[in-house]
Amino acid sequence: MTHDHECGCGHEHGKKDDCCGACDHEEPVRKTTVKPRQPNTTGIAGDGDVVLIHYRGTFDTGEEFDSSLSRDPLEVTIGEHAIIRGFEQGVAGMRKGEKKRITIEAKDAYGDENPELRQAVPKEAFGDIKPEEGMMLALQHPAAPAPIPVRVVKVEPDTITIDMNHPLAGKRLNFELELVEIK
């Protein structure tokens, strides 16, 4: 027999599973703090909205460092902080079809370069790898859950200097944005 009261869980009586706790199950439903997302009725991108964005990123010199124009637009949820702060702030408040240009200072992008993230490592630590300046490598550290991308910045006879800063750290970034869709 199922029950149908205000929680609407629809579980059968007597089963041991997640339920609302209003019936004879031994385990109550786990409560969540996530608020259901309301449909966007304003047409303006804001917190909680899933948006599709096309972008083109350049340095002050005009050199392009990234673009979505030759692939699907970037899909992000505003307010989840899955993208750099300045980019997310630039998208918030846009309307579907709107285009704009923004400039993001380093502090609101990938931060300033940290000289402490440059380290000289004994050459033998690289095993069979023959590092060259500019080469990107993945450093596996026991305390890190995933490999850390590092750039080789200097090769000497006994040591290799690596830089663990994000490649865009310390740089001011310019973006051309187009809000394709608010889901």
Protein backbone atom coordinates (compact mmCIF):
# COMPACT_ATOMS: atom_id res chain seq x y z
CA MET A 1 0.00 0.00 0.00
CA THR A 2 1.31 3.46 -0.80
CA HIS A 3 0.49 6.67 0.96
CA ASP A 4 -0.09 10.08 -0.48
CA HIS A 5 0.12 12.87 2.03
CA GLU A 6 1.72 16.29 1.78
CA CYS A 7 5.27 15.00 1.18
CA GLY A 8 4.08 12.95 -1.79
CA CYS A 9 6.86 10.39 -1.38
CA GLY A 10 4.66 7.50 -2.53
CA HIS A 11 6.71 4.85 -0.68
CA GLU A 12 5.13 1.58 0.38
CA HIS A 13 4.43 1.17 4.10
CA GLY A 14 6.84 -1.10 5.94
CA LYS A 15 9.81 -0.67 3.58
CA LYS A 16 13.11 0.60 4.90
CA ASP A 17 13.89 3.47 2.58
CA ASP A 18 14.01 7.25 2.52
CA CYS A 19 10.63 8.71 3.30
CA CYS A 20 9.05 11.75 4.86
CA GLY A 21 8.93 10.26 8.36
CA ALA A 22 5.14 10.63 8.61
CA CYS A 23 4.58 6.92 8.06
CA ASP A 24 6.00 3.77 9.67
CA HIS A 25 9.36 3.77 7.84
CA GLU A 26 12.41 3.67 10.06
CA GLU A 27 14.49 6.22 8.08
CA PRO A 28 13.23 9.78 7.46
CA VAL A 29 13.79 11.66 4.22
CA ARG A 30 17.07 13.53 4.17
CA LYS A 31 16.34 17.25 4.14
CA THR A 32 18.14 19.52 1.68
CA THR A 33 18.92 23.21 1.79
CA VAL A 34 18.87 23.56 -2.00
CA LYS A 35 16.00 25.79 -3.02
CA PRO A 36 14.08 24.77 -6.13
CA ARG A 37 14.97 27.04 -9.03
CA GLN A 38 12.10 29.20 -10.13
CA PRO A 39 11.64 29.83 -13.86
CA ASN A 40 13.16 33.10 -15.05
CA THR A 41 10.27 35.36 -15.95
CA THR A 42 12.28 38.59 -16.15
CA GLY A 43 14.35 37.72 -19.22
CA ILE A 44 17.38 39.05 -17.35
CA ALA A 45 20.13 36.60 -16.31
CA GLY A 46 20.57 36.36 -12.55
CA ASP A 47 21.49 34.04 -9.68
CA GLY A 48 20.40 30.46 -10.26
CA ASP A 49 19.81 30.90 -13.97
CA VAL A 50 21.38 28.41 -16.36
CA VAL A 51 22.69 30.42 -19.29
CA LEU A 52 24.36 29.70 -22.61
CA ILE A 53 27.09 32.21 -23.48
CA HIS A 54 29.31 32.66 -26.50
CA TYR A 55 32.52 34.48 -25.71
CA ARG A 56 35.83 35.58 -27.15
CA GLY A 57 38.66 36.29 -24.71
CA THR A 58 41.62 38.53 -25.57
CA PHE A 59 44.55 40.20 -23.85
CA ASP A 60 45.02 43.98 -24.02
CA THR A 61 47.27 43.38 -27.05
CA GLY A 62 44.29 41.93 -28.95
CA GLU A 63 45.75 38.41 -28.90
CA GLU A 64 42.97 35.83 -28.47
CA PHE A 65 43.47 33.29 -25.68
CA ASP A 66 40.10 31.49 -25.86
CA SER A 67 36.82 31.51 -27.75
CA SER A 68 33.61 29.50 -27.90
CA LEU A 69 32.66 30.79 -31.35
CA SER A 70 33.73 27.59 -33.16
CA ARG A 71 31.98 25.28 -30.69
CA ASP A 72 28.84 25.10 -28.54
CA PRO A 73 28.27 28.01 -26.20
CA LEU A 74 29.43 27.75 -22.61
CA GLU A 75 26.68 26.60 -20.23
CA VAL A 76 26.91 27.87 -16.66
CA THR A 77 24.67 28.48 -13.69
CA ILE A 78 25.03 32.02 -12.41
CA GLY A 79 25.89 32.05 -8.72
CA GLU A 80 27.58 28.63 -8.63
CA HIS A 81 31.00 30.28 -9.02
CA ALA A 82 32.10 27.65 -11.56
CA ILE A 83 33.64 30.40 -13.73
CA ILE A 84 35.84 33.35 -12.86
CA ARG A 85 34.12 36.01 -10.76
CA GLY A 86 34.46 38.86 -13.25
CA PHE A 87 33.00 36.77 -16.09
CA GLU A 88 30.03 35.71 -13.97
CA GLN A 89 29.44 39.31 -12.86
CA GLY A 90 29.60 40.42 -16.50
CA VAL A 91 26.92 37.90 -17.55
CA ALA A 92 24.56 38.72 -14.68
CA GLY A 93 22.05 41.33 -15.80
CA MET A 94 22.28 40.49 -19.51
CA ARG A 95 19.22 39.71 -21.66
CA LYS A 96 18.89 36.94 -24.24
CA GLY A 97 20.56 38.06 -27.49
CA GLU A 98 22.46 40.88 -25.80
CA LYS A 99 26.13 41.40 -26.67
CA LYS A 100 28.66 43.34 -24.64
CA ARG A 101 32.36 43.76 -23.93
CA ILE A 102 33.86 43.52 -20.48
CA THR A 103 37.33 43.91 -19.02
CA ILE A 104 38.28 41.82 -16.00
CA GLU A 105 41.21 42.81 -13.80
CA ALA A 106 43.53 39.99 -12.67
CA LYS A 107 42.12 39.99 -9.12
CA ASP A 108 38.64 39.14 -10.49
CA ALA A 109 39.99 36.59 -12.96
CA TYR A 110 42.80 34.18 -12.02
CA GLY A 111 44.44 36.40 -9.39
CA ASP A 112 47.89 37.93 -9.32
CA GLU A 113 50.95 35.80 -9.98
CA ASN A 114 52.31 34.27 -6.79
CA PRO A 115 56.12 33.97 -6.91
CA GLU A 116 55.96 31.24 -4.25
CA LEU A 117 54.27 28.99 -6.81
CA ARG A 118 57.52 28.82 -8.80
CA GLN A 119 59.80 26.04 -7.61
CA ALA A 120 63.07 24.50 -8.68
CA VAL A 121 62.73 20.71 -8.76
CA PRO A 122 65.60 18.21 -9.12
CA LYS A 123 65.81 17.01 -12.72
CA GLU A 124 65.71 13.34 -11.65
CA ALA A 125 62.16 13.89 -10.27
CA PHE A 126 60.98 13.99 -13.90
CA GLY A 127 62.17 10.47 -14.70
CA ASP A 128 62.22 9.85 -18.46
CA ILE A 129 60.48 13.14 -19.29
CA LYS A 130 62.75 15.68 -20.98
CA PRO A 131 61.19 19.02 -19.95
CA GLU A 132 61.55 22.06 -22.21
CA GLU A 133 60.73 25.69 -21.44
CA GLY A 134 57.04 26.42 -22.02
CA MET A 135 56.03 22.75 -21.75
CA MET A 136 52.90 22.04 -19.71
CA LEU A 137 53.02 19.04 -17.36
CA ALA A 138 50.66 17.48 -14.82
CA LEU A 139 52.16 17.30 -11.33
CA GLN A 140 50.76 14.56 -9.13
CA HIS A 141 50.91 15.55 -5.47
CA PRO A 142 49.72 13.21 -2.68
CA ALA A 143 47.72 16.03 -1.03
CA ALA A 144 45.95 17.05 -4.25
CA PRO A 145 42.81 15.21 -5.42
CA ALA A 146 43.71 15.75 -9.10
CA PRO A 147 46.91 16.43 -11.05
CA ILE A 148 48.10 20.05 -10.91
CA PRO A 149 48.95 21.66 -14.27
CA VAL A 150 52.42 23.23 -14.20
CA ARG A 151 54.46 25.10 -16.79
CA VAL A 152 58.20 24.58 -17.21
CA VAL A 153 59.80 28.02 -17.04
CA LYS A 154 63.51 27.22 -16.79
CA VAL A 155 65.68 24.21 -17.59
CA GLU A 156 69.12 23.97 -15.96
CA PRO A 157 71.60 21.06 -15.83
CA ASP A 158 70.43 19.79 -12.42
CA THR A 159 67.05 21.47 -11.84
CA ILE A 160 63.84 22.31 -13.63
CA THR A 161 61.89 25.39 -12.50
CA ILE A 162 58.14 24.92 -12.68
CA ASP A 163 55.37 27.49 -12.31
CA MET A 164 52.12 26.36 -10.67
CA ASN A 165 50.34 29.69 -11.25
CA HIS A 166 47.39 29.55 -13.63
CA PRO A 167 48.66 30.53 -17.11
CA LEU A 168 46.33 33.56 -17.04
CA ALA A 169 47.30 34.68 -13.51
CA GLY A 170 48.34 38.32 -13.34
CA LYS A 171 46.69 39.18 -16.63
CA ARG A 172 43.86 41.58 -17.40
CA LEU A 173 41.30 39.84 -19.62
CA ASN A 174 38.87 41.24 -22.18
CA PHE A 175 35.75 39.39 -23.25
CA GLU A 176 33.16 39.87 -25.96
CA LEU A 177 30.01 38.20 -24.64
CA GLU A 178 26.75 37.14 -26.24
CA LEU A 179 23.96 35.72 -24.10
CA VAL A 180 22.51 33.00 -26.33
CA GLU A 181 19.87 31.60 -23.98
CA ILE A 182 18.50 31.65 -20.45
CA LYS A 183 17.16 28.19 -19.66
